[in-house]
Amino acid sequence: MATYYHYYAAPFGELLLAGDGQSLSLLGFPKGKMARRHDENWIRDPGRFRDASEQLDRYFAGKLKVFELKLELAGTPFQKAVWAALKNIPYGATCSYGEIAEDIGRPKASRAVGAANGINPVPIIIPCHRVVGSNGALTGFGGGLSTKRFLLSVESGVTDLFDSEPLSH
């Protein structure tokens, strides 16, 4: 099966969107540990990502709180449980890795939750940026901490969050 891709112009750089043409399976950042580029055998087709691009436009404008996109995610049952729990974090809110571990019935698995969070294949769409340390501090993020701050600022309506102290919920 073919893989299609498109680069979406986000306020902080180009996001790689990729999938099979029906479902989104990857959102890659322009920098950070989750920086991604397309493979040479993928097919560039922006039209297949029109819905995702429109929803991202609305999200960055502060007008979309929940994404409604068809996703096809590869992961273990544990990873998929974590990603499902991430979708339940309300727009504009944050929670800790420990709270996610509790939510999925694995209260001692906060480190494993962190690992699953860190390899979320569609960040922003599945809002892993809403997870913070137990003390409210911003912790690692695949697109870099400045991107995490930006995403949280979009959701809070605060435009100066880039330079603020760590958040708490």
C-alpha atoms as a PDB file:
ATOM      1  CA  MET A   1       0.000   0.000   0.000  1.00  0.00           C
ATOM      2  CA  ALA A   2       1.240   3.464  -0.874  1.00  0.00           C
ATOM      3  CA  THR A   3       2.133   6.102   1.683  1.00  0.00           C
ATOM      4  CA  TYR A   4       1.162   9.678   0.897  1.00  0.00           C
ATOM      5  CA  TYR A   5       2.501  12.830   2.499  1.00  0.00           C
ATOM      6  CA  HIS A   6       2.116  16.571   2.744  1.00  0.00           C
ATOM      7  CA  TYR A   7       3.936  19.322   4.624  1.00  0.00           C
ATOM      8  CA  TYR A   8       1.562  21.535   6.579  1.00  0.00           C
ATOM      9  CA  ALA A   9       2.755  25.089   7.339  1.00  0.00           C
ATOM     10  CA  ALA A  10       2.323  25.383  11.110  1.00  0.00           C
ATOM     11  CA  PRO A  11       3.175  28.616  12.944  1.00  0.00           C
ATOM     12  CA  PHE A  12       6.469  27.063  14.133  1.00  0.00           C
ATOM     13  CA  GLY A  13       7.512  25.213  10.954  1.00  0.00           C
ATOM     14  CA  GLU A  14       6.407  22.532   8.542  1.00  0.00           C
ATOM     15  CA  LEU A  15       4.642  19.487   9.975  1.00  0.00           C
ATOM     16  CA  LEU A  16       4.920  16.254   8.021  1.00  0.00           C
ATOM     17  CA  LEU A  17       1.529  14.586   7.584  1.00  0.00           C
ATOM     18  CA  ALA A  18       1.589  11.025   6.266  1.00  0.00           C
ATOM     19  CA  GLY A  19      -0.796   8.160   5.815  1.00  0.00           C
ATOM     20  CA  ASP A  20      -2.411   5.751   3.401  1.00  0.00           C
ATOM     21  CA  GLY A  21      -4.609   8.373   1.770  1.00  0.00           C
ATOM     22  CA  GLN A  22      -7.619   7.539   3.947  1.00  0.00           C
ATOM     23  CA  SER A  23      -6.128   7.661   7.458  1.00  0.00           C
ATOM     24  CA  LEU A  24      -3.444   9.752   9.095  1.00  0.00           C
ATOM     25  CA  SER A  25      -0.651   7.666  10.609  1.00  0.00           C
ATOM     26  CA  LEU A  26       2.141  10.193  11.210  1.00  0.00           C
ATOM     27  CA  LEU A  27       2.579  13.811  12.172  1.00  0.00           C
ATOM     28  CA  GLY A  28       6.238  14.781  12.307  1.00  0.00           C
ATOM     29  CA  PHE A  29       7.803  17.963  13.649  1.00  0.00           C
ATOM     30  CA  PRO A  30      10.334  20.126  11.799  1.00  0.00           C
ATOM     31  CA  LYS A  31      12.776  19.913  14.748  1.00  0.00           C
ATOM     32  CA  GLY A  32      13.277  18.090  18.025  1.00  0.00           C
ATOM     33  CA  LYS A  33      13.531  14.380  18.689  1.00  0.00           C
ATOM     34  CA  MET A  34      10.362  13.712  16.668  1.00  0.00           C
ATOM     35  CA  ALA A  35      11.610  15.611  13.613  1.00  0.00           C
ATOM     36  CA  ARG A  36      10.558  13.702  10.530  1.00  0.00           C
ATOM     37  CA  ARG A  37      10.995  13.930   6.773  1.00  0.00           C
ATOM     38  CA  HIS A  38       9.220  11.914   4.112  1.00  0.00           C
ATOM     39  CA  ASP A  39      10.721   8.741   2.654  1.00  0.00           C
ATOM     40  CA  GLU A  40      11.793   8.912  -0.978  1.00  0.00           C
ATOM     41  CA  ASN A  41       9.219   6.305  -2.063  1.00  0.00           C
ATOM     42  CA  TRP A  42       6.267   8.200  -0.537  1.00  0.00           C
ATOM     43  CA  ILE A  43       3.902  10.113  -2.819  1.00  0.00           C
ATOM     44  CA  ARG A  44       3.348  13.842  -2.278  1.00  0.00           C
ATOM     45  CA  ASP A  45      -0.376  14.560  -2.417  1.00  0.00           C
ATOM     46  CA  PRO A  46      -1.620  17.580  -0.437  1.00  0.00           C
ATOM     47  CA  GLY A  47      -5.218  16.881  -1.471  1.00  0.00           C
ATOM     48  CA  ARG A  48      -5.332  13.734   0.633  1.00  0.00           C
ATOM     49  CA  PHE A  49      -4.618  15.853   3.728  1.00  0.00           C
ATOM     50  CA  ARG A  50      -7.134  18.650   3.117  1.00  0.00           C
ATOM     51  CA  ASP A  51      -9.282  17.692   6.131  1.00  0.00           C
ATOM     52  CA  ALA A  52      -6.272  17.393   8.441  1.00  0.00           C
ATOM     53  CA  SER A  53      -4.899  20.730   7.191  1.00  0.00           C
ATOM     54  CA  GLU A  54      -8.248  22.475   7.681  1.00  0.00           C
ATOM     55  CA  GLN A  55      -8.577  21.095  11.205  1.00  0.00           C
ATOM     56  CA  LEU A  56      -5.012  22.156  12.036  1.00  0.00           C
ATOM     57  CA  ASP A  57      -5.793  25.657  10.689  1.00  0.00           C
ATOM     58  CA  ARG A  58      -8.804  25.854  13.007  1.00  0.00           C
ATOM     59  CA  TYR A  59      -6.805  24.456  15.954  1.00  0.00           C
ATOM     60  CA  PHE A  60      -4.010  27.027  15.561  1.00  0.00           C
ATOM     61  CA  ALA A  61      -6.653  29.772  15.281  1.00  0.00           C
ATOM     62  CA  GLY A  62      -8.043  28.640  18.655  1.00  0.00           C
ATOM     63  CA  LYS A  63     -11.295  27.473  17.062  1.00  0.00           C
ATOM     64  CA  LEU A  64     -10.955  23.666  17.225  1.00  0.00           C
ATOM     65  CA  LYS A  65     -10.739  21.774  20.501  1.00  0.00           C
ATOM     66  CA  VAL A  66     -11.096  18.153  19.368  1.00  0.00           C
ATOM     67  CA  PHE A  67      -9.731  16.693  16.153  1.00  0.00           C
ATOM     68  CA  GLU A  68     -11.989  14.389  14.187  1.00  0.00           C
ATOM     69  CA  LEU A  69      -9.675  12.554  11.818  1.00  0.00           C
ATOM     70  CA  LYS A  70      -9.442   8.922  10.816  1.00  0.00           C
ATOM     71  CA  LEU A  71      -6.218   7.571  12.332  1.00  0.00           C
ATOM     72  CA  GLU A  72      -4.291   4.372  11.657  1.00  0.00           C
ATOM     73  CA  LEU A  73      -1.759   3.974  14.458  1.00  0.00           C
ATOM     74  CA  ALA A  74       0.816   1.233  14.856  1.00  0.00           C
ATOM     75  CA  GLY A  75       1.626   0.411  18.468  1.00  0.00           C
ATOM     76  CA  THR A  76       1.330  -2.092  21.268  1.00  0.00           C
ATOM     77  CA  PRO A  77      -1.928  -2.461  23.212  1.00  0.00           C
ATOM     78  CA  PHE A  78      -0.311  -0.527  26.093  1.00  0.00           C
ATOM     79  CA  GLN A  79       0.777   2.328  23.800  1.00  0.00           C
ATOM     80  CA  LYS A  80      -2.681   2.494  22.247  1.00  0.00           C
ATOM     81  CA  ALA A  81      -4.255   2.625  25.728  1.00  0.00           C
ATOM     82  CA  VAL A  82      -1.994   5.556  26.628  1.00  0.00           C
ATOM     83  CA  TRP A  83      -2.808   7.357  23.373  1.00  0.00           C
ATOM     84  CA  ALA A  84      -6.530   6.817  23.962  1.00  0.00           C
ATOM     85  CA  ALA A  85      -6.170   8.285  27.466  1.00  0.00           C
ATOM     86  CA  LEU A  86      -4.333  11.318  26.056  1.00  0.00           C
ATOM     87  CA  LYS A  87      -7.380  12.104  23.921  1.00  0.00           C
ATOM     88  CA  ASN A  88      -9.391  12.466  27.143  1.00  0.00           C
ATOM     89  CA  ILE A  89      -7.277  15.345  28.484  1.00  0.00           C
ATOM     90  CA  PRO A  90      -9.507  18.386  28.006  1.00  0.00           C
ATOM     91  CA  TYR A  91      -8.451  21.203  25.704  1.00  0.00           C
ATOM     92  CA  GLY A  92      -6.531  23.784  27.708  1.00  0.00           C
ATOM     93  CA  ALA A  93      -5.833  21.401  30.607  1.00  0.00           C
ATOM     94  CA  THR A  94      -2.750  19.428  31.583  1.00  0.00           C
ATOM     95  CA  CYS A  95      -2.162  16.266  33.570  1.00  0.00           C
ATOM     96  CA  SER A  96       0.798  14.220  34.741  1.00  0.00           C
ATOM     97  CA  TYR A  97       2.222  10.921  33.542  1.00  0.00           C
ATOM     98  CA  GLY A  98       1.115   9.410  36.842  1.00  0.00           C
ATOM     99  CA  GLU A  99      -2.461  10.541  36.274  1.00  0.00           C
ATOM    100  CA  ILE A 100      -2.465   8.898  32.836  1.00  0.00           C
ATOM    101  CA  ALA A 101      -1.049   5.702  34.406  1.00  0.00           C
ATOM    102  CA  GLU A 102      -3.908   5.773  36.945  1.00  0.00           C
ATOM    103  CA  ASP A 103      -6.450   6.418  34.179  1.00  0.00           C
ATOM    104  CA  ILE A 104      -5.402   3.299  32.268  1.00  0.00           C
ATOM    105  CA  GLY A 105      -5.347   1.131  35.394  1.00  0.00           C
ATOM    106  CA  ARG A 106      -1.551   0.865  35.609  1.00  0.00           C
ATOM    107  CA  PRO A 107      -0.712   3.209  38.524  1.00  0.00           C
ATOM    108  CA  LYS A 108       2.955   2.153  38.744  1.00  0.00           C
ATOM    109  CA  ALA A 109       3.596   2.581  35.018  1.00  0.00           C
ATOM    110  CA  SER A 110       4.230   6.326  34.819  1.00  0.00           C
ATOM    111  CA  ARG A 111       7.643   5.816  33.177  1.00  0.00           C
ATOM    112  CA  ALA A 112       6.131   3.478  30.593  1.00  0.00           C
ATOM    113  CA  VAL A 113       3.400   6.059  30.039  1.00  0.00           C
ATOM    114  CA  GLY A 114       6.136   8.624  29.421  1.00  0.00           C
ATOM    115  CA  ALA A 115       7.778   6.333  26.875  1.00  0.00           C
ATOM    116  CA  ALA A 116       4.473   5.733  25.050  1.00  0.00           C
ATOM    117  CA  ASN A 117       3.727   9.450  25.180  1.00  0.00           C
ATOM    118  CA  GLY A 118       7.135  10.155  23.658  1.00  0.00           C
ATOM    119  CA  ILE A 119       6.491   8.003  20.598  1.00  0.00           C
ATOM    120  CA  ASN A 120       2.952   9.184  19.930  1.00  0.00           C
ATOM    121  CA  PRO A 121       2.839   9.016  16.109  1.00  0.00           C
ATOM    122  CA  VAL A 122       0.371  11.910  15.750  1.00  0.00           C
ATOM    123  CA  PRO A 123       1.218  14.560  18.350  1.00  0.00           C
ATOM    124  CA  ILE A 124      -1.114  17.565  18.486  1.00  0.00           C
ATOM    125  CA  ILE A 125      -3.918  15.381  17.062  1.00  0.00           C
ATOM    126  CA  ILE A 126      -3.465  13.111  20.096  1.00  0.00           C
ATOM    127  CA  PRO A 127      -2.520  15.833  22.595  1.00  0.00           C
ATOM    128  CA  CYS A 128       0.629  14.528  24.274  1.00  0.00           C
ATOM    129  CA  HIS A 129       1.711  18.166  24.751  1.00  0.00           C
ATOM    130  CA  ARG A 130      -0.859  18.345  27.579  1.00  0.00           C
ATOM    131  CA  VAL A 131       1.177  15.971  29.757  1.00  0.00           C
ATOM    132  CA  VAL A 132       3.480  17.638  32.281  1.00  0.00           C
ATOM    133  CA  GLY A 133       5.641  16.489  35.166  1.00  0.00           C
ATOM    134  CA  SER A 134       4.031  15.703  38.534  1.00  0.00           C
ATOM    135  CA  ASN A 135       5.170  19.128  39.783  1.00  0.00           C
ATOM    136  CA  GLY A 136       3.571  20.906  36.804  1.00  0.00           C
ATOM    137  CA  ALA A 137       6.899  21.475  35.027  1.00  0.00           C
ATOM    138  CA  LEU A 138       7.072  21.182  31.274  1.00  0.00           C
ATOM    139  CA  THR A 139       8.923  17.990  30.439  1.00  0.00           C
ATOM    140  CA  GLY A 140      10.409  16.665  27.227  1.00  0.00           C
ATOM    141  CA  PHE A 141       8.468  16.964  24.001  1.00  0.00           C
ATOM    142  CA  GLY A 142       9.217  15.520  20.577  1.00  0.00           C
ATOM    143  CA  GLY A 143       8.880  18.908  18.890  1.00  0.00           C
ATOM    144  CA  GLY A 144      10.931  20.725  21.538  1.00  0.00           C
ATOM    145  CA  LEU A 145       9.817  22.549  24.667  1.00  0.00           C
ATOM    146  CA  SER A 146       9.245  25.835  22.819  1.00  0.00           C
ATOM    147  CA  THR A 147       6.737  24.037  20.574  1.00  0.00           C
ATOM    148  CA  LYS A 148       5.053  22.499  23.635  1.00  0.00           C
ATOM    149  CA  ARG A 149       4.797  25.964  25.207  1.00  0.00           C
ATOM    150  CA  PHE A 150       3.338  27.309  21.976  1.00  0.00           C
ATOM    151  CA  LEU A 151       0.685  24.562  21.770  1.00  0.00           C
ATOM    152  CA  LEU A 152      -0.311  25.128  25.392  1.00  0.00           C
ATOM    153  CA  SER A 153      -0.476  28.880  24.736  1.00  0.00           C
ATOM    154  CA  VAL A 154      -2.839  28.311  21.807  1.00  0.00           C
ATOM    155  CA  GLU A 155      -5.103  26.321  24.101  1.00  0.00           C
ATOM    156  CA  SER A 156      -4.946  28.769  26.995  1.00  0.00           C
ATOM    157  CA  GLY A 157      -5.377  31.875  24.863  1.00  0.00           C
ATOM    158  CA  VAL A 158      -2.213  33.280  26.454  1.00  0.00           C
ATOM    159  CA  THR A 159       0.187  34.531  23.834  1.00  0.00           C
ATOM    160  CA  ASP A 160       3.216  35.116  26.073  1.00  0.00           C
ATOM    161  CA  LEU A 161       3.516  31.518  27.274  1.00  0.00           C
ATOM    162  CA  PHE A 162       6.807  31.043  25.411  1.00  0.00           C
ATOM    163  CA  ASP A 163       8.620  32.870  28.193  1.00  0.00           C
ATOM    164  CA  SER A 164       6.549  31.773  31.182  1.00  0.00           C
ATOM    165  CA  GLU A 165       7.354  29.515  34.072  1.00  0.00           C
ATOM    166  CA  PRO A 166       6.251  25.864  34.153  1.00  0.00           C
ATOM    167  CA  LEU A 167       2.511  25.234  34.090  1.00  0.00           C
ATOM    168  CA  SER A 168       0.445  23.348  36.596  1.00  0.00           C
ATOM    169  CA  HIS A 169      -3.108  22.132  36.394  1.00  0.00           C
END
